[in-house]
Amino acid sequence: MRKWLEKEPVGAWQHFTTAHTVFSLDLAIVLLFGSIIAVFTGGPDDDNVNVLILEAFTERLLRDPLGTTYLLAKAALIEEIVFRGIPLHLAVLFSHGRWGFITPVALVSSFVFGWGHGGWEGIFLQGFGGLLYCGLFLKCGGLRGRILRPLAMCWAIHLTWNGMELGIAIAGSAITAALP
């Protein structure tokens, strides 16, 4: 894993395939842990943070598509700056690339990111995704002290993920509304 992270992608195609790999792994993790959580808990509660946020965004998107897209883009960018950009960039700068310092920072950052997205369920769903985004950040130049390209890659994947979730929520609410 370390060797893979240390070899920075060259060119747009390698950056795209790296981001696609992270996105696919994130989807697999959410499907796996989401299924396990659904089996043991009976699915998300009506007061689950993620359910409430998706419902609010779905209603808002139908009323104001452009404003909601802007809000999603801004939220994803702020989360990437706070949970990946600042902590990982500082960890790399102060540790001079030593993994013994970077790894705990990535773990703590991902834990807090997941917890903020819905407690223990969020840690298993978004927290593992956040750890993958940390890997993407480091792989795309963050390990060499760069910040803009790695942050842009993480933001693009995060925004794509949020858009996919919102699309699924809209489709789900349309299907639910069509049922008798």
Protein backbone atom coordinates (compact mmCIF):
# COMPACT_ATOMS: atom_id res chain seq x y z
CA MET A 1 0.00 0.00 0.00
CA ARG A 2 2.79 2.42 0.91
CA LYS A 3 4.54 1.91 -2.45
CA TRP A 4 1.28 2.56 -4.31
CA LEU A 5 0.69 5.78 -2.35
CA GLU A 6 4.22 7.02 -2.89
CA LYS A 7 4.02 6.71 -6.70
CA GLU A 8 2.25 9.89 -7.83
CA PRO A 9 0.03 9.60 -10.92
CA VAL A 10 1.29 11.27 -14.10
CA GLY A 11 -1.15 12.89 -16.49
CA ALA A 12 -4.88 13.38 -16.44
CA TRP A 13 -5.73 9.76 -17.28
CA GLN A 14 -3.78 8.32 -14.32
CA HIS A 15 -5.37 10.89 -12.00
CA PHE A 16 -8.80 9.90 -13.31
CA THR A 17 -8.18 6.18 -12.87
CA THR A 18 -6.82 6.74 -9.35
CA ALA A 19 -9.91 8.77 -8.43
CA HIS A 20 -12.17 6.15 -10.06
CA THR A 21 -10.52 3.42 -7.99
CA VAL A 22 -11.11 5.37 -4.77
CA PHE A 23 -14.73 6.07 -5.74
CA SER A 24 -15.34 2.39 -6.52
CA LEU A 25 -13.80 1.27 -3.23
CA ASP A 26 -15.90 3.84 -1.38
CA LEU A 27 -19.05 2.52 -3.06
CA ALA A 28 -18.12 -1.07 -2.17
CA ILE A 29 -17.50 -0.12 1.47
CA VAL A 30 -20.81 1.74 1.74
CA LEU A 31 -22.68 -1.19 0.20
CA LEU A 32 -20.95 -3.68 2.49
CA PHE A 33 -21.24 -1.77 5.76
CA GLY A 34 -24.61 -0.29 4.82
CA SER A 35 -25.98 -3.80 4.32
CA ILE A 36 -24.50 -5.03 7.59
CA ILE A 37 -25.85 -2.02 9.50
CA ALA A 38 -29.28 -2.43 7.87
CA VAL A 39 -29.42 -6.12 8.87
CA PHE A 40 -28.49 -5.47 12.49
CA THR A 41 -30.40 -2.22 13.03
CA GLY A 42 -33.33 -2.64 10.69
CA GLY A 43 -32.19 0.28 8.51
CA PRO A 44 -31.72 3.97 9.24
CA ASP A 45 -34.00 5.61 11.77
CA ASP A 46 -36.20 8.51 10.74
CA ASP A 47 -34.06 10.81 12.91
CA ASN A 48 -30.77 9.62 11.36
CA VAL A 49 -28.63 12.63 10.41
CA ASN A 50 -27.97 11.36 6.88
CA VAL A 51 -31.65 10.63 6.22
CA LEU A 52 -32.71 14.08 7.43
CA ILE A 53 -30.02 15.84 5.38
CA LEU A 54 -30.89 13.91 2.21
CA GLU A 55 -34.60 14.67 2.65
CA ALA A 56 -33.88 18.38 3.14
CA PHE A 57 -31.54 18.52 0.14
CA THR A 58 -34.03 16.62 -2.03
CA GLU A 59 -36.78 19.12 -1.26
CA ARG A 60 -34.41 22.06 -1.74
CA LEU A 61 -33.02 20.70 -5.02
CA LEU A 62 -36.50 20.44 -6.50
CA ARG A 63 -37.17 24.08 -5.53
CA ASP A 64 -33.72 25.59 -6.31
CA PRO A 65 -31.43 23.30 -8.36
CA LEU A 66 -28.64 25.83 -8.94
CA GLY A 67 -28.52 27.03 -5.33
CA THR A 68 -28.50 23.47 -4.01
CA THR A 69 -25.70 22.45 -6.37
CA TYR A 70 -23.68 25.45 -5.19
CA LEU A 71 -24.35 24.54 -1.55
CA LEU A 72 -23.27 20.92 -2.14
CA ALA A 73 -20.09 22.06 -3.90
CA LYS A 74 -19.26 24.50 -1.11
CA ALA A 75 -19.96 21.97 1.65
CA ALA A 76 -17.80 19.32 -0.04
CA LEU A 77 -14.95 21.81 -0.51
CA ILE A 78 -15.09 22.95 3.12
CA GLU A 79 -15.13 19.35 4.36
CA GLU A 80 -12.14 18.48 2.16
CA ILE A 81 -10.17 21.49 3.38
CA VAL A 82 -10.98 20.80 7.04
CA PHE A 83 -10.69 16.99 7.08
CA ARG A 84 -8.05 16.30 4.42
CA GLY A 85 -6.31 19.45 3.23
CA ILE A 86 -5.23 21.10 6.46
CA PRO A 87 -4.51 18.05 8.65
CA LEU A 88 -2.72 15.97 6.02
CA HIS A 89 -0.76 18.86 4.56
CA LEU A 90 0.46 19.86 8.02
CA ALA A 91 1.22 16.24 8.91
CA VAL A 92 3.34 15.82 5.78
CA LEU A 93 5.15 19.13 6.32
CA PHE A 94 5.96 18.53 9.98
CA SER A 95 6.76 14.82 9.69
CA HIS A 96 8.89 15.13 6.54
CA GLY A 97 6.96 12.22 5.03
CA ARG A 98 7.27 9.80 7.97
CA TRP A 99 4.30 7.44 7.99
CA GLY A 100 4.33 7.10 11.78
CA PHE A 101 2.85 10.58 12.01
CA ILE A 102 0.78 10.77 8.82
CA THR A 103 -1.19 7.56 9.44
CA PRO A 104 -2.62 8.59 12.86
CA VAL A 105 -3.58 12.00 11.46
CA ALA A 106 -5.44 10.30 8.58
CA LEU A 107 -7.17 7.90 10.99
CA VAL A 108 -8.26 10.62 13.43
CA SER A 109 -9.38 12.91 10.60
CA SER A 110 -11.45 10.11 9.06
CA PHE A 111 -12.92 9.12 12.43
CA VAL A 112 -14.05 12.69 13.14
CA PHE A 113 -15.36 13.06 9.57
CA GLY A 114 -17.39 9.87 9.94
CA TRP A 115 -18.65 10.74 13.41
CA GLY A 116 -19.86 14.11 12.13
CA HIS A 117 -21.88 12.31 9.46
CA GLY A 118 -23.92 10.18 11.83
CA GLY A 119 -22.18 8.72 14.89
CA TRP A 120 -21.04 5.10 14.79
CA GLU A 121 -22.86 4.38 11.53
CA GLY A 122 -21.14 7.39 10.01
CA ILE A 123 -17.75 6.12 11.12
CA PHE A 124 -18.30 2.85 9.28
CA LEU A 125 -19.80 4.46 6.18
CA GLN A 126 -18.34 7.94 5.68
CA GLY A 127 -15.32 7.39 7.95
CA PHE A 128 -13.94 4.60 5.78
CA GLY A 129 -14.68 6.72 2.72
CA GLY A 130 -12.79 9.57 4.37
CA LEU A 131 -9.83 7.26 4.88
CA LEU A 132 -9.90 6.44 1.16
CA TYR A 133 -10.01 10.18 0.39
CA CYS A 134 -6.96 10.62 2.64
CA GLY A 135 -5.19 8.03 0.50
CA LEU A 136 -6.27 9.86 -2.66
CA PHE A 137 -4.98 13.14 -1.22
CA LEU A 138 -1.60 11.62 -0.40
CA LYS A 139 -1.38 9.73 -3.71
CA CYS A 140 -2.11 12.76 -5.89
CA GLY A 141 0.76 14.85 -4.56
CA GLY A 142 -0.10 15.45 -0.91
CA LEU A 143 2.74 13.19 0.16
CA ARG A 144 5.15 15.53 -1.63
CA GLY A 145 3.80 18.64 0.13
CA ARG A 146 1.44 19.72 -2.63
CA ILE A 147 -2.04 20.83 -1.71
CA LEU A 148 -4.06 22.18 -4.67
CA ARG A 149 -4.18 19.14 -6.98
CA PRO A 150 -4.77 16.64 -4.15
CA LEU A 151 -7.48 18.85 -2.70
CA ALA A 152 -9.11 19.27 -6.13
CA MET A 153 -9.11 15.50 -6.68
CA CYS A 154 -10.70 14.82 -3.29
CA TRP A 155 -13.23 17.60 -3.80
CA ALA A 156 -14.23 16.26 -7.23
CA ILE A 157 -14.78 12.75 -5.87
CA HIS A 158 -16.61 14.07 -2.78
CA LEU A 159 -18.86 16.23 -4.95
CA THR A 160 -19.54 13.31 -7.29
CA TRP A 161 -20.43 11.13 -4.30
CA ASN A 162 -22.79 13.75 -2.86
CA GLY A 163 -24.42 14.17 -6.26
CA MET A 164 -24.90 10.43 -6.60
CA GLU A 165 -26.48 10.20 -3.13
CA LEU A 166 -28.80 13.08 -3.94
CA GLY A 167 -29.77 11.51 -7.27
CA ILE A 168 -30.62 8.26 -5.52
CA ALA A 169 -32.66 10.16 -2.91
CA ILE A 170 -34.60 12.00 -5.63
CA ALA A 171 -35.25 8.77 -7.50
CA GLY A 172 -36.34 7.10 -4.27
CA SER A 173 -38.74 9.91 -3.38
CA ALA A 174 -40.19 9.84 -6.92
CA ILE A 175 -40.74 6.08 -6.69
CA THR A 176 -42.28 6.44 -3.23
CA ALA A 177 -44.59 9.19 -4.44
CA ALA A 178 -45.71 7.04 -7.39
CA LEU A 179 -46.63 4.09 -5.18
CA PRO A 180 -50.29 3.75 -4.22
